[in-house]
Amino acid sequence: MSASLILYEKITTTGKKAKLIKSEVEKLITKGKTDTLHSKRMLFARLPKNAAKKVFEILGPKYRDRAGGYVRLARVGVHKDRTSKVRLELI
């Protein structure tokens, strides 16, 4: 789901999954801000090739001056099984 958020820049999921994905994606984007061999290997090990490439080419330079908080959580409703529905989107 982390790769989906990076590729599509917004997804809708449950509240608990959203909290886990948010912290993981923020760590990945932080690694993508530095263009070193070590950070490239770390990202290519965790993400598919196209998602890791997008982090280095688009998202890293976009968030270079930002200290953190790359992902926004927005509550959008309730699933029919009464779990919260949350939209995750990159700022």
Protein backbone atom coordinates (compact mmCIF):
# COMPACT_ATOMS: atom_id res chain seq x y z
CA MET A 1 0.00 0.00 0.00
CA SER A 2 2.98 2.28 0.52
CA ALA A 3 3.89 1.90 -3.13
CA SER A 4 0.30 2.71 -4.13
CA LEU A 5 0.34 5.90 -2.08
CA ILE A 6 3.63 6.95 -3.65
CA LEU A 7 2.49 6.17 -7.20
CA TYR A 8 -1.08 7.52 -7.07
CA GLU A 9 -0.47 10.18 -4.37
CA LYS A 10 -3.79 9.42 -2.65
CA ILE A 11 -5.53 6.28 -1.43
CA THR A 12 -8.49 5.42 0.80
CA THR A 13 -8.15 2.76 3.50
CA THR A 14 -9.05 1.97 7.11
CA GLY A 15 -7.81 4.10 10.02
CA LYS A 16 -5.34 1.61 11.52
CA LYS A 17 -3.75 0.78 8.19
CA ALA A 18 -3.50 4.47 7.40
CA LYS A 19 -1.49 5.21 10.54
CA LEU A 20 0.99 2.45 9.74
CA ILE A 21 1.34 3.47 6.10
CA LYS A 22 1.79 7.14 6.98
CA SER A 23 4.83 6.53 9.18
CA GLU A 24 6.39 4.16 6.66
CA VAL A 25 5.93 6.48 3.67
CA GLU A 26 7.30 9.47 5.56
CA LYS A 27 10.46 7.50 6.39
CA LEU A 28 10.83 6.43 2.76
CA ILE A 29 10.47 9.99 1.45
CA THR A 30 13.02 11.21 4.00
CA LYS A 31 15.47 8.61 2.69
CA GLY A 32 14.69 9.71 -0.87
CA LYS A 33 15.72 13.29 -0.14
CA THR A 34 19.40 12.29 0.03
CA ASP A 35 20.76 10.94 -3.22
CA THR A 36 23.31 8.42 -1.93
CA LEU A 37 23.97 4.85 -2.92
CA HIS A 38 22.91 3.60 0.50
CA SER A 39 19.53 5.35 0.40
CA LYS A 40 18.93 4.10 -3.15
CA ARG A 41 19.61 0.51 -2.11
CA MET A 42 17.34 0.86 0.91
CA LEU A 43 14.45 2.20 -1.18
CA PHE A 44 14.84 -0.26 -4.04
CA ALA A 45 14.77 -3.08 -1.47
CA ARG A 46 11.52 -1.81 0.10
CA LEU A 47 9.59 -0.58 -2.97
CA PRO A 48 8.96 -1.65 -6.55
CA LYS A 49 11.29 -0.07 -9.09
CA ASN A 50 8.82 2.49 -10.45
CA ALA A 51 7.81 3.71 -6.97
CA ALA A 52 11.42 4.04 -5.77
CA LYS A 53 12.30 5.91 -8.95
CA LYS A 54 9.43 8.34 -8.36
CA VAL A 55 10.65 9.00 -4.81
CA PHE A 56 14.12 9.95 -6.05
CA GLU A 57 13.13 11.89 -9.17
CA ILE A 58 9.92 13.68 -8.13
CA LEU A 59 9.13 13.49 -4.42
CA GLY A 60 12.65 13.93 -3.02
CA PRO A 61 13.30 17.26 -4.77
CA LYS A 62 9.70 18.39 -4.11
CA TYR A 63 10.07 17.96 -0.33
CA ARG A 64 13.76 18.90 -0.04
CA ASP A 65 13.08 22.02 2.07
CA ARG A 66 10.31 20.45 4.15
CA ALA A 67 11.31 18.98 7.53
CA GLY A 68 8.56 16.34 7.65
CA GLY A 69 4.83 15.81 7.46
CA TYR A 70 4.57 14.72 3.85
CA VAL A 71 1.34 12.73 4.25
CA ARG A 72 -2.08 14.02 5.30
CA LEU A 73 -4.78 11.89 6.96
CA ALA A 74 -8.37 12.94 6.30
CA ARG A 75 -11.30 11.05 7.79
CA VAL A 76 -13.95 10.57 5.12
CA GLY A 77 -16.56 8.32 6.72
CA VAL A 78 -17.30 4.84 7.95
CA HIS A 79 -17.15 1.47 6.18
CA LYS A 80 -20.22 -0.74 6.35
CA ASP A 81 -18.44 -2.88 8.97
CA ARG A 82 -18.20 0.23 11.20
CA THR A 83 -14.47 0.88 10.80
CA SER A 84 -13.29 4.38 10.01
CA LYS A 85 -12.52 5.25 6.40
CA VAL A 86 -9.47 7.47 5.91
CA ARG A 87 -7.97 9.15 2.86
CA LEU A 88 -4.17 9.37 2.75
CA GLU A 89 -2.70 11.94 0.41
CA LEU A 90 0.68 13.48 -0.21
CA ILE A 91 0.83 17.18 0.51
